[in-house]
Amino acid sequence: MIAAVGQISWPVSEVLAQHVGREAIVGGMVWLGIFLAVAIAAAWLLIVLWRRFIAPDNTGKPDFTLEQLRQLRDQGELTQEQYESLREGVIAMIGTRSV
């Protein structure tokens, strides 16, 4: 049974070899390999670029410090309600980072 497996002929490869030639098949396989290598390299490059420039920054770092929020409130750029809401968000962000 094992010896018979080595003798199996592939009709597609035989037809191609007869009509196209073995050199053309080998050349086609080389170009297919080159195409696959370029496609894999391009996909890898896109993933790296996406992670670096497009993906959101999930470092857990708040956009404002509490001191900056106080300054904005004192300058009148934030209402007391906005300040309290943003302050709670910064405190929550800091709390989740330390866990």
PDB file of N, CA and C in Angstrom:
ATOM      1  N   MET A   1       0.818  -1.183   0.000  1.00  0.00           N
ATOM      2  CA  MET A   1       0.000   0.000   0.000  1.00  0.00           C
ATOM      3  C   MET A   1       0.871   1.259   0.000  1.00  0.00           C
ATOM      4  N   ILE A   2       1.940   1.272   0.811  1.00  0.00           N
ATOM      5  CA  ILE A   2       2.810   2.434   0.876  1.00  0.00           C
ATOM      6  C   ILE A   2       3.553   2.610  -0.439  1.00  0.00           C
ATOM      7  N   ALA A   3       3.964   1.541  -1.069  1.00  0.00           N
ATOM      8  CA  ALA A   3       4.673   1.641  -2.342  1.00  0.00           C
ATOM      9  C   ALA A   3       3.761   2.212  -3.429  1.00  0.00           C
ATOM     10  N   ALA A   4       2.476   1.926  -3.341  1.00  0.00           N
ATOM     11  CA  ALA A   4       1.535   2.425  -4.342  1.00  0.00           C
ATOM     12  C   ALA A   4       1.356   3.931  -4.231  1.00  0.00           C
ATOM     13  N   VAL A   5       1.516   4.476  -3.033  1.00  0.00           N
ATOM     14  CA  VAL A   5       1.352   5.914  -2.852  1.00  0.00           C
ATOM     15  C   VAL A   5       2.404   6.670  -3.644  1.00  0.00           C
ATOM     16  N   GLY A   6       3.619   6.177  -3.698  1.00  0.00           N
ATOM     17  CA  GLY A   6       4.680   6.841  -4.449  1.00  0.00           C
ATOM     18  C   GLY A   6       4.443   6.808  -5.949  1.00  0.00           C
ATOM     19  N   GLN A   7       3.592   5.921  -6.418  1.00  0.00           N
ATOM     20  CA  GLN A   7       3.355   5.793  -7.852  1.00  0.00           C
ATOM     21  C   GLN A   7       2.101   6.534  -8.319  1.00  0.00           C
ATOM     22  N   ILE A   8       1.458   7.255  -7.437  1.00  0.00           N
ATOM     23  CA  ILE A   8       0.252   7.990  -7.834  1.00  0.00           C
ATOM     24  C   ILE A   8       0.664   9.115  -8.766  1.00  0.00           C
ATOM     25  N   SER A   9      -0.027   9.210  -9.875  1.00  0.00           N
ATOM     26  CA  SER A   9       0.276  10.292 -10.815  1.00  0.00           C
ATOM     27  C   SER A   9      -0.788  11.377 -10.663  1.00  0.00           C
ATOM     28  N   TRP A  10      -0.354  12.589 -10.859  1.00  0.00           N
ATOM     29  CA  TRP A  10      -1.259  13.728 -10.757  1.00  0.00           C
ATOM     30  C   TRP A  10      -1.593  14.171 -12.177  1.00  0.00           C
ATOM     31  N   PRO A  11      -2.827  13.982 -12.610  1.00  0.00           N
ATOM     32  CA  PRO A  11      -3.184  14.292 -14.000  1.00  0.00           C
ATOM     33  C   PRO A  11      -2.962  15.762 -14.364  1.00  0.00           C
ATOM     34  N   VAL A  12      -3.218  16.663 -13.452  1.00  0.00           N
ATOM     35  CA  VAL A  12      -3.069  18.075 -13.761  1.00  0.00           C
ATOM     36  C   VAL A  12      -1.614  18.398 -14.043  1.00  0.00           C
ATOM     37  N   SER A  13      -0.712  17.900 -13.200  1.00  0.00           N
ATOM     38  CA  SER A  13       0.702  18.191 -13.413  1.00  0.00           C
ATOM     39  C   SER A  13       1.217  17.553 -14.695  1.00  0.00           C
ATOM     40  N   GLU A  14       0.713  16.380 -15.025  1.00  0.00           N
ATOM     41  CA  GLU A  14       1.138  15.731 -16.275  1.00  0.00           C
ATOM     42  C   GLU A  14       0.672  16.523 -17.494  1.00  0.00           C
ATOM     43  N   VAL A  15      -0.559  17.002 -17.457  1.00  0.00           N
ATOM     44  CA  VAL A  15      -1.091  17.783 -18.587  1.00  0.00           C
ATOM     45  C   VAL A  15      -0.311  19.081 -18.723  1.00  0.00           C
ATOM     46  N   LEU A  16      -0.059  19.758 -17.609  1.00  0.00           N
ATOM     47  CA  LEU A  16       0.715  20.986 -17.661  1.00  0.00           C
ATOM     48  C   LEU A  16       2.126  20.731 -18.178  1.00  0.00           C
ATOM     49  N   ALA A  17       2.745  19.670 -17.724  1.00  0.00           N
ATOM     50  CA  ALA A  17       4.105  19.362 -18.158  1.00  0.00           C
ATOM     51  C   ALA A  17       4.149  19.080 -19.655  1.00  0.00           C
ATOM     52  N   GLN A  18       3.126  18.452 -20.185  1.00  0.00           N
ATOM     53  CA  GLN A  18       3.101  18.138 -21.607  1.00  0.00           C
ATOM     54  C   GLN A  18       2.876  19.390 -22.454  1.00  0.00           C
ATOM     55  N   HIS A  19       2.018  20.289 -22.028  1.00  0.00           N
ATOM     56  CA  HIS A  19       1.649  21.433 -22.847  1.00  0.00           C
ATOM     57  C   HIS A  19       2.501  22.680 -22.577  1.00  0.00           C
ATOM     58  N   VAL A  20       2.974  22.839 -21.372  1.00  0.00           N
ATOM     59  CA  VAL A  20       3.672  24.054 -21.015  1.00  0.00           C
ATOM     60  C   VAL A  20       5.168  23.820 -20.905  1.00  0.00           C
ATOM     61  N   GLY A  21       5.559  22.754 -20.338  1.00  0.00           N
ATOM     62  CA  GLY A  21       6.963  22.465 -20.131  1.00  0.00           C
ATOM     63  C   GLY A  21       7.331  22.626 -18.670  1.00  0.00           C
ATOM     64  N   ARG A  22       8.238  21.804 -18.249  1.00  0.00           N
ATOM     65  CA  ARG A  22       8.631  21.813 -16.836  1.00  0.00           C
ATOM     66  C   ARG A  22       9.304  23.126 -16.429  1.00  0.00           C
ATOM     67  N   GLU A  23      10.054  23.738 -17.323  1.00  0.00           N
ATOM     68  CA  GLU A  23      10.719  24.999 -16.991  1.00  0.00           C
ATOM     69  C   GLU A  23       9.702  26.095 -16.678  1.00  0.00           C
ATOM     70  N   ALA A  24       8.611  26.127 -17.435  1.00  0.00           N
ATOM     71  CA  ALA A  24       7.569  27.127 -17.209  1.00  0.00           C
ATOM     72  C   ALA A  24       6.870  26.885 -15.873  1.00  0.00           C
ATOM     73  N   ILE A  25       6.678  25.619 -15.529  1.00  0.00           N
ATOM     74  CA  ILE A  25       6.040  25.296 -14.251  1.00  0.00           C
ATOM     75  C   ILE A  25       6.936  25.731 -13.099  1.00  0.00           C
ATOM     76  N   VAL A  26       8.222  25.418 -13.198  1.00  0.00           N
ATOM     77  CA  VAL A  26       9.161  25.813 -12.143  1.00  0.00           C
ATOM     78  C   VAL A  26       9.237  27.334 -12.053  1.00  0.00           C
ATOM     79  N   GLY A  27       9.291  28.002 -13.188  1.00  0.00           N
ATOM     80  CA  GLY A  27       9.315  29.462 -13.202  1.00  0.00           C
ATOM     81  C   GLY A  27       8.052  30.052 -12.583  1.00  0.00           C
ATOM     82  N   GLY A  28       6.918  29.462 -12.893  1.00  0.00           N
ATOM     83  CA  GLY A  28       5.657  29.913 -12.305  1.00  0.00           C
ATOM     84  C   GLY A  28       5.637  29.723 -10.806  1.00  0.00           C
ATOM     85  N   MET A  29       6.190  28.613 -10.334  1.00  0.00           N
ATOM     86  CA  MET A  29       6.235  28.361  -8.892  1.00  0.00           C
ATOM     87  C   MET A  29       7.166  29.352  -8.200  1.00  0.00           C
ATOM     88  N   VAL A  30       8.271  29.704  -8.857  1.00  0.00           N
ATOM     89  CA  VAL A  30       9.183  30.697  -8.291  1.00  0.00           C
ATOM     90  C   VAL A  30       8.474  32.040  -8.168  1.00  0.00           C
ATOM     91  N   TRP A  31       7.780  32.444  -9.236  1.00  0.00           N
ATOM     92  CA  TRP A  31       7.063  33.728  -9.191  1.00  0.00           C
ATOM     93  C   TRP A  31       5.937  33.696  -8.151  1.00  0.00           C
ATOM     94  N   LEU A  32       5.283  32.571  -8.009  1.00  0.00           N
ATOM     95  CA  LEU A  32       4.253  32.430  -6.978  1.00  0.00           C
ATOM     96  C   LEU A  32       4.867  32.589  -5.594  1.00  0.00           C
ATOM     97  N   GLY A  33       6.033  31.991  -5.376  1.00  0.00           N
ATOM     98  CA  GLY A  33       6.721  32.143  -4.096  1.00  0.00           C
ATOM     99  C   GLY A  33       7.115  33.584  -3.823  1.00  0.00           C
ATOM    100  N   ILE A  34       7.608  34.268  -4.859  1.00  0.00           N
ATOM    101  CA  ILE A  34       7.975  35.682  -4.713  1.00  0.00           C
ATOM    102  C   ILE A  34       6.736  36.509  -4.392  1.00  0.00           C
ATOM    103  N   PHE A  35       5.643  36.250  -5.087  1.00  0.00           N
ATOM    104  CA  PHE A  35       4.398  36.977  -4.834  1.00  0.00           C
ATOM    105  C   PHE A  35       3.925  36.765  -3.404  1.00  0.00           C
ATOM    106  N   LEU A  36       3.959  35.541  -2.926  1.00  0.00           N
ATOM    107  CA  LEU A  36       3.532  35.266  -1.552  1.00  0.00           C
ATOM    108  C   LEU A  36       4.440  35.955  -0.538  1.00  0.00           C
ATOM    109  N   ALA A  37       5.739  35.958  -0.783  1.00  0.00           N
ATOM    110  CA  ALA A  37       6.666  36.633   0.132  1.00  0.00           C
ATOM    111  C   ALA A  37       6.400  38.130   0.171  1.00  0.00           C
ATOM    112  N   VAL A  38       6.146  38.738  -0.980  1.00  0.00           N
ATOM    113  CA  VAL A  38       5.846  40.174  -1.021  1.00  0.00           C
ATOM    114  C   VAL A  38       4.517  40.459  -0.328  1.00  0.00           C
ATOM    115  N   ALA A  39       3.519  39.616  -0.524  1.00  0.00           N
ATOM    116  CA  ALA A  39       2.218  39.812   0.122  1.00  0.00           C
ATOM    117  C   ALA A  39       2.338  39.712   1.638  1.00  0.00           C
ATOM    118  N   ILE A  40       3.122  38.757   2.127  1.00  0.00           N
ATOM    119  CA  ILE A  40       3.313  38.612   3.572  1.00  0.00           C
ATOM    120  C   ILE A  40       4.067  39.805   4.131  1.00  0.00           C
ATOM    121  N   ALA A  41       5.092  40.260   3.431  1.00  0.00           N
ATOM    122  CA  ALA A  41       5.851  41.431   3.885  1.00  0.00           C
ATOM    123  C   ALA A  41       4.972  42.681   3.893  1.00  0.00           C
ATOM    124  N   ALA A  42       4.123  42.854   2.892  1.00  0.00           N
ATOM    125  CA  ALA A  42       3.227  44.012   2.843  1.00  0.00           C
ATOM    126  C   ALA A  42       2.209  43.963   3.980  1.00  0.00           C
ATOM    127  N   ALA A  43       1.672  42.783   4.258  1.00  0.00           N
ATOM    128  CA  ALA A  43       0.720  42.648   5.369  1.00  0.00           C
ATOM    129  C   ALA A  43       1.397  42.975   6.691  1.00  0.00           C
ATOM    130  N   TRP A  44       2.605  42.496   6.882  1.00  0.00           N
ATOM    131  CA  TRP A  44       3.343  42.789   8.114  1.00  0.00           C
ATOM    132  C   TRP A  44       3.590  44.291   8.246  1.00  0.00           C
ATOM    133  N   LEU A  45       3.985  44.938   7.152  1.00  0.00           N
ATOM    134  CA  LEU A  45       4.234  46.382   7.173  1.00  0.00           C
ATOM    135  C   LEU A  45       2.959  47.156   7.502  1.00  0.00           C
ATOM    136  N   LEU A  46       1.841  46.757   6.917  1.00  0.00           N
ATOM    137  CA  LEU A  46       0.578  47.424   7.217  1.00  0.00           C
ATOM    138  C   LEU A  46       0.192  47.274   8.684  1.00  0.00           C
ATOM    139  N   ILE A  47       0.413  46.113   9.253  1.00  0.00           N
ATOM    140  CA  ILE A  47       0.099  45.901  10.662  1.00  0.00           C
ATOM    141  C   ILE A  47       0.969  46.786  11.541  1.00  0.00           C
ATOM    142  N   VAL A  48       2.254  46.857  11.236  1.00  0.00           N
ATOM    143  CA  VAL A  48       3.167  47.693  12.028  1.00  0.00           C
ATOM    144  C   VAL A  48       2.764  49.153  11.924  1.00  0.00           C
ATOM    145  N   LEU A  49       2.484  49.637  10.715  1.00  0.00           N
ATOM    146  CA  LEU A  49       2.089  51.027  10.536  1.00  0.00           C
ATOM    147  C   LEU A  49       0.762  51.331  11.217  1.00  0.00           C
ATOM    148  N   TRP A  50      -0.188  50.406  11.151  1.00  0.00           N
ATOM    149  CA  TRP A  50      -1.479  50.611  11.787  1.00  0.00           C
ATOM    150  C   TRP A  50      -1.311  50.721  13.297  1.00  0.00           C
ATOM    151  N   ARG A  51      -0.521  49.841  13.873  1.00  0.00           N
ATOM    152  CA  ARG A  51      -0.310  49.892  15.323  1.00  0.00           C
ATOM    153  C   ARG A  51       0.391  51.171  15.747  1.00  0.00           C
ATOM    154  N   ARG A  52       1.297  51.663  14.938  1.00  0.00           N
ATOM    155  CA  ARG A  52       2.078  52.835  15.322  1.00  0.00           C
ATOM    156  C   ARG A  52       1.321  54.141  15.114  1.00  0.00           C
ATOM    157  N   PHE A  53       0.586  54.279  14.008  1.00  0.00           N
ATOM    158  CA  PHE A  53       0.019  55.570  13.657  1.00  0.00           C
ATOM    159  C   PHE A  53      -1.499  55.661  13.744  1.00  0.00           C
ATOM    160  N   ILE A  54      -2.205  54.571  13.591  1.00  0.00           N
ATOM    161  CA  ILE A  54      -3.659  54.648  13.508  1.00  0.00           C
ATOM    162  C   ILE A  54      -4.345  54.115  14.756  1.00  0.00           C
ATOM    163  N   ALA A  55      -3.804  53.088  15.357  1.00  0.00           N
ATOM    164  CA  ALA A  55      -4.447  52.472  16.516  1.00  0.00           C
ATOM    165  C   ALA A  55      -4.519  53.467  17.664  1.00  0.00           C
ATOM    166  N   PRO A  56      -5.593  53.410  18.426  1.00  0.00           N
ATOM    167  CA  PRO A  56      -5.697  54.334  19.559  1.00  0.00           C
ATOM    168  C   PRO A  56      -4.637  54.045  20.604  1.00  0.00           C
ATOM    169  N   ASP A  57      -4.216  55.087  21.259  1.00  0.00           N
ATOM    170  CA  ASP A  57      -3.200  54.967  22.300  1.00  0.00           C
ATOM    171  C   ASP A  57      -3.874  54.515  23.591  1.00  0.00           C
ATOM    172  N   ASN A  58      -3.638  53.298  23.981  1.00  0.00           N
ATOM    173  CA  ASN A  58      -4.267  52.743  25.178  1.00  0.00           C
ATOM    174  C   ASN A  58      -3.265  52.608  26.312  1.00  0.00           C
ATOM    175  N   THR A  59      -2.464  53.616  26.517  1.00  0.00           N
ATOM    176  CA  THR A  59      -1.453  53.540  27.564  1.00  0.00           C
ATOM    177  C   THR A  59      -2.039  53.767  28.939  1.00  0.00           C
ATOM    178  N   GLY A  60      -3.270  54.259  29.016  1.00  0.00           N
ATOM    179  CA  GLY A  60      -3.881  54.526  30.307  1.00  0.00           C
ATOM    180  C   GLY A  60      -3.474  55.863  30.882  1.00  0.00           C
ATOM    181  N   LYS A  61      -2.819  56.664  30.109  1.00  0.00           N
ATOM    182  CA  LYS A  61      -2.366  57.965  30.568  1.00  0.00           C
ATOM    183  C   LYS A  61      -3.488  58.976  30.361  1.00  0.00           C
ATOM    184  N   PRO A  62      -3.893  59.704  31.402  1.00  0.00           N
ATOM    185  CA  PRO A  62      -4.972  60.686  31.224  1.00  0.00           C
ATOM    186  C   PRO A  62      -4.516  61.849  30.350  1.00  0.00           C
ATOM    187  N   ASP A  63      -5.477  62.475  29.678  1.00  0.00           N
ATOM    188  CA  ASP A  63      -5.170  63.600  28.795  1.00  0.00           C
ATOM    189  C   ASP A  63      -4.763  64.840  29.584  1.00  0.00           C
ATOM    190  N   PHE A  64      -5.296  64.998  30.790  1.00  0.00           N
ATOM    191  CA  PHE A  64      -5.015  66.163  31.623  1.00  0.00           C
ATOM    192  C   PHE A  64      -4.567  65.714  32.998  1.00  0.00           C
ATOM    193  N   THR A  65      -3.741  66.527  33.605  1.00  0.00           N
ATOM    194  CA  THR A  65      -3.408  66.305  35.013  1.00  0.00           C
ATOM    195  C   THR A  65      -4.415  67.079  35.851  1.00  0.00           C
ATOM    196  N   LEU A  66      -4.485  66.751  37.114  1.00  0.00           N
ATOM    197  CA  LEU A  66      -5.402  67.460  37.997  1.00  0.00           C
ATOM    198  C   LEU A  66      -5.027  68.936  38.096  1.00  0.00           C
ATOM    199  N   GLU A  67      -3.739  69.221  38.074  1.00  0.00           N
ATOM    200  CA  GLU A  67      -3.291  70.615  38.136  1.00  0.00           C
ATOM    201  C   GLU A  67      -3.754  71.394  36.901  1.00  0.00           C
ATOM    202  N   GLN A  68      -3.667  70.792  35.748  1.00  0.00           N
ATOM    203  CA  GLN A  68      -4.120  71.457  34.526  1.00  0.00           C
ATOM    204  C   GLN A  68      -5.626  71.708  34.573  1.00  0.00           C
ATOM    205  N   LEU A  69      -6.376  70.748  35.114  1.00  0.00           N
ATOM    206  CA  LEU A  69      -7.822  70.936  35.239  1.00  0.00           C
ATOM    207  C   LEU A  69      -8.141  72.091  36.185  1.00  0.00           C
ATOM    208  N   ARG A  70      -7.405  72.162  37.296  1.00  0.00           N
ATOM    209  CA  ARG A  70      -7.617  73.266  38.239  1.00  0.00           C
ATOM    210  C   ARG A  70      -7.337  74.613  37.574  1.00  0.00           C
ATOM    211  N   GLN A  71      -6.280  74.679  36.791  1.00  0.00           N
ATOM    212  CA  GLN A  71      -5.938  75.929  36.107  1.00  0.00           C
ATOM    213  C   GLN A  71      -7.027  76.331  35.117  1.00  0.00           C
ATOM    214  N   LEU A  72      -7.545  75.353  34.371  1.00  0.00           N
ATOM    215  CA  LEU A  72      -8.617  75.649  33.423  1.00  0.00           C
ATOM    216  C   LEU A  72      -9.865  76.138  34.152  1.00  0.00           C
ATOM    217  N   ARG A  73     -10.173  75.526  35.287  1.00  0.00           N
ATOM    218  CA  ARG A  73     -11.323  75.966  36.082  1.00  0.00           C
ATOM    219  C   ARG A  73     -11.094  77.382  36.608  1.00  0.00           C
ATOM    220  N   ASP A  74      -9.905  77.641  37.131  1.00  0.00           N
ATOM    221  CA  ASP A  74      -9.612  78.952  37.699  1.00  0.00           C
ATOM    222  C   ASP A  74      -9.604  80.052  36.635  1.00  0.00           C
ATOM    223  N   GLN A  75      -9.243  79.701  35.406  1.00  0.00           N
ATOM    224  CA  GLN A  75      -9.229  80.681  34.314  1.00  0.00           C
ATOM    225  C   GLN A  75     -10.622  80.898  33.727  1.00  0.00           C
ATOM    226  N   GLY A  76     -11.577  80.089  34.163  1.00  0.00           N
ATOM    227  CA  GLY A  76     -12.946  80.234  33.673  1.00  0.00           C
ATOM    228  C   GLY A  76     -13.231  79.464  32.401  1.00  0.00           C
ATOM    229  N   GLU A  77     -12.317  78.612  31.985  1.00  0.00           N
ATOM    230  CA  GLU A  77     -12.530  77.836  30.758  1.00  0.00           C
ATOM    231  C   GLU A  77     -13.369  76.585  31.018  1.00  0.00           C
ATOM    232  N   LEU A  78     -13.477  76.185  32.267  1.00  0.00           N
ATOM    233  CA  LEU A  78     -14.317  75.058  32.666  1.00  0.00           C
ATOM    234  C   LEU A  78     -15.283  75.521  33.748  1.00  0.00           C
ATOM    235  N   THR A  79     -16.517  75.012  33.662  1.00  0.00           N
ATOM    236  CA  THR A  79     -17.449  75.264  34.755  1.00  0.00           C
ATOM    237  C   THR A  79     -17.111  74.312  35.900  1.00  0.00           C
ATOM    238  N   GLN A  80     -17.690  74.564  37.053  1.00  0.00           N
ATOM    239  CA  GLN A  80     -17.437  73.692  38.214  1.00  0.00           C
ATOM    240  C   GLN A  80     -17.921  72.275  37.930  1.00  0.00           C
ATOM    241  N   GLU A  81     -19.054  72.140  37.227  1.00  0.00           N
ATOM    242  CA  GLU A  81     -19.589  70.808  36.905  1.00  0.00           C
ATOM    243  C   GLU A  81     -18.646  70.066  35.942  1.00  0.00           C
ATOM    244  N   GLN A  82     -18.139  70.787  34.938  1.00  0.00           N
ATOM    245  CA  GLN A  82     -17.200  70.166  33.998  1.00  0.00           C
ATOM    246  C   GLN A  82     -15.922  69.751  34.727  1.00  0.00           C
ATOM    247  N   TYR A  83     -15.450  70.610  35.597  1.00  0.00           N
ATOM    248  CA  TYR A  83     -14.244  70.304  36.362  1.00  0.00           C
ATOM    249  C   TYR A  83     -14.442  69.048  37.203  1.00  0.00           C
ATOM    250  N   GLU A  84     -15.562  68.951  37.913  1.00  0.00           N
ATOM    251  CA  GLU A  84     -15.826  67.787  38.769  1.00  0.00           C
ATOM    252  C   GLU A  84     -15.900  66.511  37.937  1.00  0.00           C
ATOM    253  N   SER A  85     -16.579  66.593  36.805  1.00  0.00           N
ATOM    254  CA  SER A  85     -16.717  65.415  35.936  1.00  0.00           C
ATOM    255  C   SER A  85     -15.355  64.960  35.405  1.00  0.00           C
ATOM    256  N   LEU A  86     -14.555  65.912  34.912  1.00  0.00           N
ATOM    257  CA  LEU A  86     -13.237  65.562  34.380  1.00  0.00           C
ATOM    258  C   LEU A  86     -12.301  65.081  35.489  1.00  0.00           C
ATOM    259  N   ARG A  87     -12.406  65.690  36.661  1.00  0.00           N
ATOM    260  CA  ARG A  87     -11.566  65.294  37.788  1.00  0.00           C
ATOM    261  C   ARG A  87     -11.858  63.846  38.183  1.00  0.00           C
ATOM    262  N   GLU A  88     -13.148  63.498  38.244  1.00  0.00           N
ATOM    263  CA  GLU A  88     -13.521  62.115  38.575  1.00  0.00           C
ATOM    264  C   GLU A  88     -12.982  61.146  37.525  1.00  0.00           C
ATOM    265  N   GLY A  89     -13.022  61.559  36.248  1.00  0.00           N
ATOM    266  CA  GLY A  89     -12.485  60.699  35.187  1.00  0.00           C
ATOM    267  C   GLY A  89     -10.988  60.483  35.318  1.00  0.00           C
ATOM    268  N   VAL A  90     -10.259  61.548  35.637  1.00  0.00           N
ATOM    269  CA  VAL A  90      -8.804  61.427  35.811  1.00  0.00           C
ATOM    270  C   VAL A  90      -8.496  60.543  37.017  1.00  0.00           C
ATOM    271  N   ILE A  91      -9.222  60.745  38.097  1.00  0.00           N
ATOM    272  CA  ILE A  91      -8.999  59.926  39.291  1.00  0.00           C
ATOM    273  C   ILE A  91      -9.308  58.464  39.009  1.00  0.00           C
ATOM    274  N   ALA A  92     -10.391  58.208  38.280  1.00  0.00           N
ATOM    275  CA  ALA A  92     -10.734  56.824  37.921  1.00  0.00           C
ATOM    276  C   ALA A  92      -9.665  56.211  37.037  1.00  0.00           C
ATOM    277  N   MET A  93      -9.136  57.001  36.108  1.00  0.00           N
ATOM    278  CA  MET A  93      -8.083  56.508  35.204  1.00  0.00           C
ATOM    279  C   MET A  93      -6.819  56.146  36.003  1.00  0.00           C
ATOM    280  N   ILE A  94      -6.466  57.012  36.934  1.00  0.00           N
ATOM    281  CA  ILE A  94      -5.289  56.751  37.754  1.00  0.00           C
ATOM    282  C   ILE A  94      -5.515  55.539  38.630  1.00  0.00           C
ATOM    283  N   GLY A  95      -6.731  55.383  39.137  1.00  0.00           N
ATOM    284  CA  GLY A  95      -7.062  54.238  39.986  1.00  0.00           C
ATOM    285  C   GLY A  95      -6.980  52.919  39.261  1.00  0.00           C
ATOM    286  N   THR A  96      -7.396  52.893  37.997  1.00  0.00           N
ATOM    287  CA  THR A  96      -7.348  51.639  37.239  1.00  0.00           C
ATOM    288  C   THR A  96      -5.945  51.289  36.818  1.00  0.00           C
ATOM    289  N   ARG A  97      -5.060  52.282  36.662  1.00  0.00           N
ATOM    290  CA  ARG A  97      -3.677  52.008  36.282  1.00  0.00           C
ATOM    291  C   ARG A  97      -2.920  51.351  37.416  1.00  0.00           C
ATOM    292  N   SER A  98      -3.227  51.717  38.637  1.00  0.00           N
ATOM    293  CA  SER A  98      -2.456  51.196  39.762  1.00  0.00           C
ATOM    294  C   SER A  98      -2.868  49.786  40.150  1.00  0.00           C
ATOM    295  N   VAL A  99      -3.974  49.293  39.596  1.00  0.00           N
ATOM    296  CA  VAL A  99      -4.447  47.943  39.947  1.00  0.00           C
ATOM    297  C   VAL A  99      -3.705  46.921  39.159  1.00  0.00           C
TER     298      VAL A  99
END
